[in-house]
Amino acid sequence: EGVFALGECNGRGAFTHTAYNDFEIVAANLLDGETRKVSDRVPGYALFIDPPLGRAGKSEAEARKAGRAVLVGTRPMTRVGRAVEKGETLGFMKVVAETGKILGAAILGPGGDEAIHGILDAINVGTPHRALQWAVPIHPTVSELIPTVIGTMR
């Protein structure tokens, strides 16, 4: 108690965005009297590889290990119009949920590092997975298939 660690030294990932959020949390607690915690943060990151990977929240394995009643929807990039159009069909999309709640997602493929933000935001505000399923996304994008992936959940 009373010890604040920022960035890589706290053991929660070596990402610039999380290190800056560590600062925001410490500043809010010390200067504004808030009670924010790093443990309340929904994990999200991107690997800028080829193809890029975007991840948010829990993986399927983490959700199952936590005893969640997991629903999973997947789609290969070979069935994502924007990926086919670009000739970049290596990868997949996966969304993990339990009834009424998105738990996490991974998007490996073109635009995965950008498309993951919508799901990260949805997890942060508690959007029910059915609300995303009924969304009308912009075409042609990789993220337009997120509602389709959610619709395949089993």
Foldseek 3Di string as FASTA:
>chain_A
DPDQDAAPVVVPDHDPVRRVVSVVQVCCCPPVVDDDDSVLAWDWDWDVDVQIKIKTADDPVRCVVVVAPKWKFKDFQVPQVVCVVVVKRHWMKMWIAGQFFTGMIMTGTHCNRPLRVVVNVCNSVSGGQVVVLPDQDDPPDRNNCSNVRSVRID
